[in-house]
């Protein structure tokens, strides 16, 4: 996985490059979105002439950049203009089923043991690599079916009294929306989200879009910003973010600084057949672990 946060991915020399999406992110380094966009284009055009750029056709910015990609390229997605396309997607608890078509020809039925459209799209990117490497369709299909996930990406931590506890690293609005969508489409149960904003600069730069990312959540608990080594920024705090979220949300929203208080609040409002989803790139995963381990009576 390449790290675009500081431009260091330009030091890589891939023969196959996958670009999943392009968001208004890492502006503390790039300063402007135009600089970020230009750097991604440089990355794609670094691929050698015999290589391949694989990009998501569902991302409008990447789609708009297509004429500027100077290398052989293959698009994937759910949109009609994708060369490699997923259709008839059905979500179940913990898995996704879909049909795959390459340049209009069926490749068959695939089962991915993880939920969410963003994971289906990621699977398509992996399938595209398999096609480029001339792997048989059966080998690709078996590989997708055997995928076991990665740590902190919609990771099921356990279950307590009918409450399924899941943790996800999502901290950017696009990632948060994807994680919430995976929870709601895969399980169809009430959703309790605990979110820890990550970095003062990111919270500042994404303040409005972050605040609107939780409208589909039944219960929401917010906590302080995880600094990740950054100095505080005036006016950017957990409390000010909480107030902004409350301007957009109709559902119940709580702000608690202390993890112990968060766990106690969860114990009060969680119900059987509910999902607890912790979101953030900091140490918010500890909340789910503590809730699962905390057997003390209130």
Protein backbone atom coordinates (compact mmCIF):
# COMPACT_ATOMS: atom_id res chain seq x y z
CA UNK A 1 0.00 0.00 0.00
CA UNK A 2 1.46 3.35 -1.06
CA UNK A 3 1.47 6.35 1.29
CA UNK A 4 0.26 9.49 -0.44
CA UNK A 5 0.14 11.60 2.72
CA UNK A 6 3.58 13.14 2.18
CA UNK A 7 4.22 12.47 -1.50
CA UNK A 8 6.53 9.55 -0.72
CA UNK A 9 4.55 7.25 -3.02
CA UNK A 10 6.36 8.95 -5.92
CA UNK A 11 9.49 7.09 -4.79
CA UNK A 12 7.84 3.81 -5.77
CA UNK A 13 8.23 2.29 -9.24
CA UNK A 14 5.21 0.01 -9.75
CA UNK A 15 4.53 -1.87 -12.95
CA UNK A 16 0.87 -2.07 -11.90
CA UNK A 17 -0.67 0.87 -10.01
CA UNK A 18 -4.14 0.84 -8.46
CA UNK A 19 -5.79 4.17 -7.64
CA UNK A 20 -9.03 3.71 -5.70
CA UNK A 21 -10.15 7.31 -5.21
CA UNK A 22 -8.97 10.88 -4.85
CA UNK A 23 -10.24 12.98 -1.95
CA UNK A 24 -9.63 16.43 -0.52
CA UNK A 25 -7.11 15.01 1.96
CA UNK A 26 -3.58 15.69 3.28
CA UNK A 27 -3.79 19.39 2.45
CA UNK A 28 -1.43 20.12 5.34
CA UNK A 29 1.26 18.77 2.99
CA UNK A 30 -0.10 19.50 -0.50
CA UNK A 31 -1.59 22.91 0.38
CA UNK A 32 -4.08 22.80 -2.51
CA UNK A 33 -6.26 20.12 -4.07
CA UNK A 34 -4.72 20.96 -7.45
CA UNK A 35 -1.28 19.99 -6.11
CA UNK A 36 -2.70 16.73 -4.75
CA UNK A 37 -4.35 15.95 -8.08
CA UNK A 38 -1.16 16.69 -10.03
CA UNK A 39 0.86 14.41 -7.74
CA UNK A 40 -1.56 11.53 -8.27
CA UNK A 41 -1.31 12.05 -12.01
CA UNK A 42 2.50 11.95 -11.76
CA UNK A 43 2.22 8.68 -9.83
CA UNK A 44 0.04 7.08 -12.50
CA UNK A 45 2.25 8.27 -15.34
CA UNK A 46 5.34 6.86 -13.61
CA UNK A 47 4.14 3.39 -14.54
CA UNK A 48 6.35 2.03 -17.37
CA UNK A 49 4.98 1.78 -20.89
CA UNK A 50 4.48 -1.97 -20.49
CA UNK A 51 2.65 -1.55 -17.16
CA UNK A 52 -0.96 -0.85 -16.25
CA UNK A 53 -2.88 1.79 -14.32
CA UNK A 54 -6.03 0.41 -12.67
CA UNK A 55 -8.45 3.08 -11.47
CA UNK A 56 -11.99 3.30 -10.12
CA UNK A 57 -14.47 4.58 -12.69
CA UNK A 58 -16.95 5.39 -9.90
CA UNK A 59 -14.72 8.21 -8.67
CA UNK A 60 -15.68 11.35 -10.61
CA UNK A 61 -12.28 12.99 -10.18
CA UNK A 62 -10.39 9.96 -11.48
CA UNK A 63 -12.87 9.65 -14.33
CA UNK A 64 -12.24 13.29 -15.24
CA UNK A 65 -8.47 12.65 -15.18
CA UNK A 66 -8.65 9.72 -17.61
CA UNK A 67 -7.58 11.69 -20.74
CA UNK A 68 -4.42 12.75 -18.90
CA UNK A 69 -3.33 9.21 -18.04
CA UNK A 70 -0.51 8.51 -20.48
CA UNK A 71 -0.22 4.82 -19.74
CA UNK A 72 -2.33 1.77 -20.51
CA UNK A 73 -5.30 1.92 -18.15
CA UNK A 74 -8.17 -0.30 -16.99
CA UNK A 75 -11.21 1.06 -15.18
CA UNK A 76 -13.32 -0.82 -12.65
CA UNK A 77 -16.48 -0.05 -10.72
CA UNK A 78 -20.25 -0.33 -10.73
CA UNK A 79 -20.85 2.42 -13.28
CA UNK A 80 -21.75 1.57 -16.87
CA UNK A 81 -18.51 2.97 -18.28
CA UNK A 82 -16.31 0.65 -16.18
CA UNK A 83 -14.43 -1.97 -18.20
CA UNK A 84 -14.49 -4.32 -15.21
CA UNK A 85 -17.89 -4.06 -13.60
CA UNK A 86 -19.74 -5.50 -10.61
CA UNK A 87 -23.48 -6.01 -11.03
CA UNK A 88 -26.33 -7.51 -9.02
CA UNK A 89 -24.60 -6.84 -5.69
CA UNK A 90 -26.30 -8.38 -2.66
CA UNK A 91 -25.09 -7.71 0.89
CA UNK A 92 -25.41 -10.12 3.80
CA UNK A 93 -24.06 -9.97 7.36
CA UNK A 94 -20.30 -10.21 6.90
CA UNK A 95 -20.22 -10.82 3.15
CA UNK A 96 -21.06 -9.51 -0.31
CA UNK A 97 -22.16 -11.40 -3.43
CA UNK A 98 -21.91 -10.00 -6.94
CA UNK A 99 -21.53 -10.78 -10.64
CA UNK A 100 -18.45 -9.58 -12.52
CA UNK A 101 -18.27 -8.54 -16.18
CA UNK A 102 -15.08 -7.71 -18.08
CA UNK A 103 -15.53 -5.68 -21.24
CA UNK A 104 -19.13 -6.88 -21.35
CA UNK A 105 -18.33 -10.58 -20.94
CA UNK A 106 -19.36 -12.42 -17.75
CA UNK A 107 -16.63 -13.69 -15.43
CA UNK A 108 -19.12 -15.33 -13.09
CA UNK A 109 -20.37 -15.06 -9.53
CA UNK A 110 -18.06 -13.89 -6.74
CA UNK A 111 -18.43 -14.01 -2.97
CA UNK A 112 -16.41 -11.65 -0.79
CA UNK A 113 -16.39 -12.41 2.96
CA UNK A 114 -16.61 -8.76 3.97
CA UNK A 115 -19.46 -6.24 3.59
CA UNK A 116 -19.76 -2.87 1.90
CA UNK A 117 -19.64 -1.43 -1.60
CA UNK A 118 -16.15 -0.03 -0.99
CA UNK A 119 -14.92 -3.57 -0.36
CA UNK A 120 -16.61 -4.82 -3.53
CA UNK A 121 -14.76 -2.08 -5.40
CA UNK A 122 -11.49 -3.11 -3.78
CA UNK A 123 -12.17 -6.70 -4.80
CA UNK A 124 -12.69 -5.54 -8.38
CA UNK A 125 -9.27 -3.87 -8.28
CA UNK A 126 -7.73 -7.16 -7.15
CA UNK A 127 -9.63 -9.02 -9.87
CA UNK A 128 -8.23 -6.54 -12.41
CA UNK A 129 -4.69 -7.40 -11.28
CA UNK A 130 -5.48 -11.09 -11.65
CA UNK A 131 -6.73 -10.52 -15.19
CA UNK A 132 -3.57 -8.56 -16.06
CA UNK A 133 -1.45 -11.44 -14.72
CA UNK A 134 -3.45 -13.97 -16.79
CA UNK A 135 -4.68 -15.85 -13.75
CA UNK A 136 -7.57 -18.26 -14.41
CA UNK A 137 -10.98 -16.94 -13.32
CA UNK A 138 -11.35 -19.85 -10.89
CA UNK A 139 -8.09 -18.91 -9.15
CA UNK A 140 -9.18 -15.27 -8.87
CA UNK A 141 -12.60 -16.29 -7.56
CA UNK A 142 -11.10 -18.61 -4.94
CA UNK A 143 -8.70 -15.89 -3.83
CA UNK A 144 -11.52 -13.39 -3.33
CA UNK A 145 -13.55 -15.97 -1.40
CA UNK A 146 -10.58 -16.68 0.90
CA UNK A 147 -10.00 -13.04 1.84
CA UNK A 148 -9.99 -12.71 5.63
CA UNK A 149 -9.70 -8.93 5.99
CA UNK A 150 -7.06 -6.79 7.67
CA UNK A 151 -6.71 -5.36 11.15
CA UNK A 152 -8.78 -2.25 11.88
CA UNK A 153 -10.75 -2.45 8.63
CA UNK A 154 -14.28 -3.40 9.65
CA UNK A 155 -12.75 -5.79 12.15
CA UNK A 156 -15.23 -7.72 14.27
CA UNK A 157 -13.92 -7.55 17.84
CA UNK A 158 -16.58 -9.70 19.43
CA UNK A 159 -20.12 -9.75 20.79
CA UNK A 160 -21.59 -8.95 24.18
CA UNK A 161 -25.22 -9.46 25.18
CA UNK A 162 -26.32 -9.39 21.54
CA UNK A 163 -24.27 -6.29 20.67
CA UNK A 164 -21.86 -6.90 17.78
CA UNK A 165 -18.68 -4.85 18.26
CA UNK A 166 -16.83 -3.74 15.12
CA UNK A 167 -13.84 -1.42 14.72
CA UNK A 168 -12.76 0.50 11.63
CA UNK A 169 -9.82 2.83 10.96
CA UNK A 170 -12.06 5.24 9.01
CA UNK A 171 -11.30 8.86 9.84
CA UNK A 172 -11.97 10.74 6.58
CA UNK A 173 -15.58 11.55 5.54
CA UNK A 174 -15.50 9.20 2.54
CA UNK A 175 -14.18 6.33 4.65
CA UNK A 176 -16.69 7.01 7.42
CA UNK A 177 -19.61 6.98 4.99
CA UNK A 178 -18.33 3.72 3.49
CA UNK A 179 -18.01 2.03 6.90
CA UNK A 180 -21.47 3.16 7.96
CA UNK A 181 -22.92 1.98 4.65
CA UNK A 182 -21.27 -1.43 5.11
CA UNK A 183 -22.81 -1.74 8.58
CA UNK A 184 -26.30 -0.70 7.52
CA UNK A 185 -26.51 -2.66 4.26
CA UNK A 186 -24.93 -5.80 5.67
CA UNK A 187 -26.73 -6.15 8.99
CA UNK A 188 -29.92 -4.05 9.00
CA UNK A 189 -29.76 -3.48 12.77
CA UNK A 190 -29.65 -0.29 14.86
CA UNK A 191 -26.21 1.31 14.70
CA UNK A 192 -24.32 2.95 17.57
CA UNK A 193 -21.19 4.75 16.37
CA UNK A 194 -18.33 6.06 18.50
CA UNK A 195 -16.10 8.45 16.55
CA UNK A 196 -12.75 9.93 17.52
CA UNK A 197 -11.63 12.74 15.17
CA UNK A 198 -8.02 12.34 14.02
CA UNK A 199 -5.61 15.29 13.91
CA UNK A 200 -6.49 18.95 14.36
CA UNK A 201 -5.53 19.80 10.77
CA UNK A 202 -7.75 17.10 9.28
CA UNK A 203 -10.66 18.05 11.50
CA UNK A 204 -10.24 21.68 10.45
CA UNK A 205 -9.90 20.91 6.73
CA UNK A 206 -12.85 18.48 6.69
CA UNK A 207 -14.95 20.19 9.36
CA UNK A 208 -18.18 20.56 7.36
CA UNK A 209 -18.04 17.26 5.46
CA UNK A 210 -17.10 15.34 8.61
CA UNK A 211 -20.04 16.87 10.45
CA UNK A 212 -22.52 15.58 7.85
CA UNK A 213 -21.12 12.04 7.67
CA UNK A 214 -23.22 10.63 10.53
CA UNK A 215 -26.78 11.41 9.50
CA UNK A 216 -27.63 7.74 8.95
CA UNK A 217 -26.49 6.69 12.43
CA UNK A 218 -29.05 5.83 15.12
CA UNK A 219 -26.88 6.77 18.12
CA UNK A 220 -23.61 8.72 17.99
CA UNK A 221 -20.94 9.28 20.62
CA UNK A 222 -18.14 11.75 19.90
CA UNK A 223 -14.94 12.20 21.85
CA UNK A 224 -11.89 14.47 21.86
CA UNK A 225 -9.62 14.87 18.85
CA UNK A 226 -6.69 12.43 18.69
CA UNK A 227 -3.76 14.81 18.18
CA UNK A 228 -1.29 12.35 16.58
CA UNK A 229 1.52 14.67 17.64
CA UNK A 230 -0.06 17.88 16.36
CA UNK A 231 -0.37 21.09 18.34
CA UNK A 232 -3.93 22.26 19.08
CA UNK A 233 -5.58 24.71 16.67
CA UNK A 234 -7.70 27.51 18.07
CA UNK A 235 -11.41 26.84 17.59
CA UNK A 236 -10.88 23.20 16.53
CA UNK A 237 -11.82 20.99 19.46
CA UNK A 238 -13.96 17.98 20.19
CA UNK A 239 -16.61 20.28 21.64
CA UNK A 240 -16.80 22.59 18.61
CA UNK A 241 -17.00 19.59 16.31
CA UNK A 242 -19.78 18.11 18.45
CA UNK A 243 -21.76 21.35 18.14
CA UNK A 244 -21.34 21.34 14.36
CA UNK A 245 -22.50 17.71 14.13
CA UNK A 246 -25.59 18.55 16.20
CA UNK A 247 -26.54 21.19 13.63
CA UNK A 248 -26.95 18.43 11.03
CA UNK A 249 -28.12 15.38 12.98
CA UNK A 250 -31.62 14.56 14.16
CA UNK A 251 -30.61 11.44 16.09
CA UNK A 252 -29.17 11.32 19.59
CA UNK A 253 -25.60 12.62 19.82
CA UNK A 254 -23.37 12.60 22.90
CA UNK A 255 -19.95 14.09 23.65
CA UNK A 256 -17.74 12.39 26.23
CA UNK A 257 -14.02 12.95 26.73
CA UNK A 258 -13.18 9.96 28.89
CA UNK A 259 -13.14 6.43 27.45
CA UNK A 260 -14.46 4.99 30.72
CA UNK A 261 -17.44 7.33 30.52
CA UNK A 262 -17.99 6.29 26.91
CA UNK A 263 -18.08 2.62 27.89
CA UNK A 264 -20.60 3.35 30.64
CA UNK A 265 -22.78 5.29 28.18
CA UNK A 266 -22.62 2.39 25.73
CA UNK A 267 -23.75 -0.02 28.45
CA UNK A 268 -26.76 2.21 29.11
CA UNK A 269 -27.95 2.72 25.54
CA UNK A 270 -26.86 -0.46 23.74
CA UNK A 271 -29.55 -3.05 23.06
CA UNK A 272 -29.51 -6.65 21.80
CA UNK A 273 -29.37 -6.93 18.01
CA UNK A 274 -27.44 -3.67 17.75
CA UNK A 275 -24.02 -2.95 16.25
CA UNK A 276 -21.39 -0.90 18.06
CA UNK A 277 -19.02 0.58 15.47
CA UNK A 278 -15.92 2.46 16.63
CA UNK A 279 -14.37 4.76 14.01
CA UNK A 280 -11.07 6.61 13.94
CA UNK A 281 -7.35 6.29 13.24
CA UNK A 282 -6.33 6.83 16.86
CA UNK A 283 -6.87 4.58 19.87
CA UNK A 284 -10.67 4.49 19.76
CA UNK A 285 -10.53 0.72 19.21
CA UNK A 286 -9.83 0.44 22.94
CA UNK A 287 -13.45 1.40 23.65
CA UNK A 288 -14.82 -1.72 21.98
CA UNK A 289 -12.27 -3.96 23.68
CA UNK A 290 -13.08 -2.43 27.06
CA UNK A 291 -16.83 -2.79 26.52
CA UNK A 292 -16.37 -6.46 25.68
CA UNK A 293 -14.17 -7.06 28.72
CA UNK A 294 -16.08 -4.89 31.22
CA UNK A 295 -18.45 -7.16 33.11
CA UNK A 296 -18.90 -4.81 36.06
CA UNK A 297 -22.47 -3.94 36.95
CA UNK A 298 -23.54 -0.31 36.65
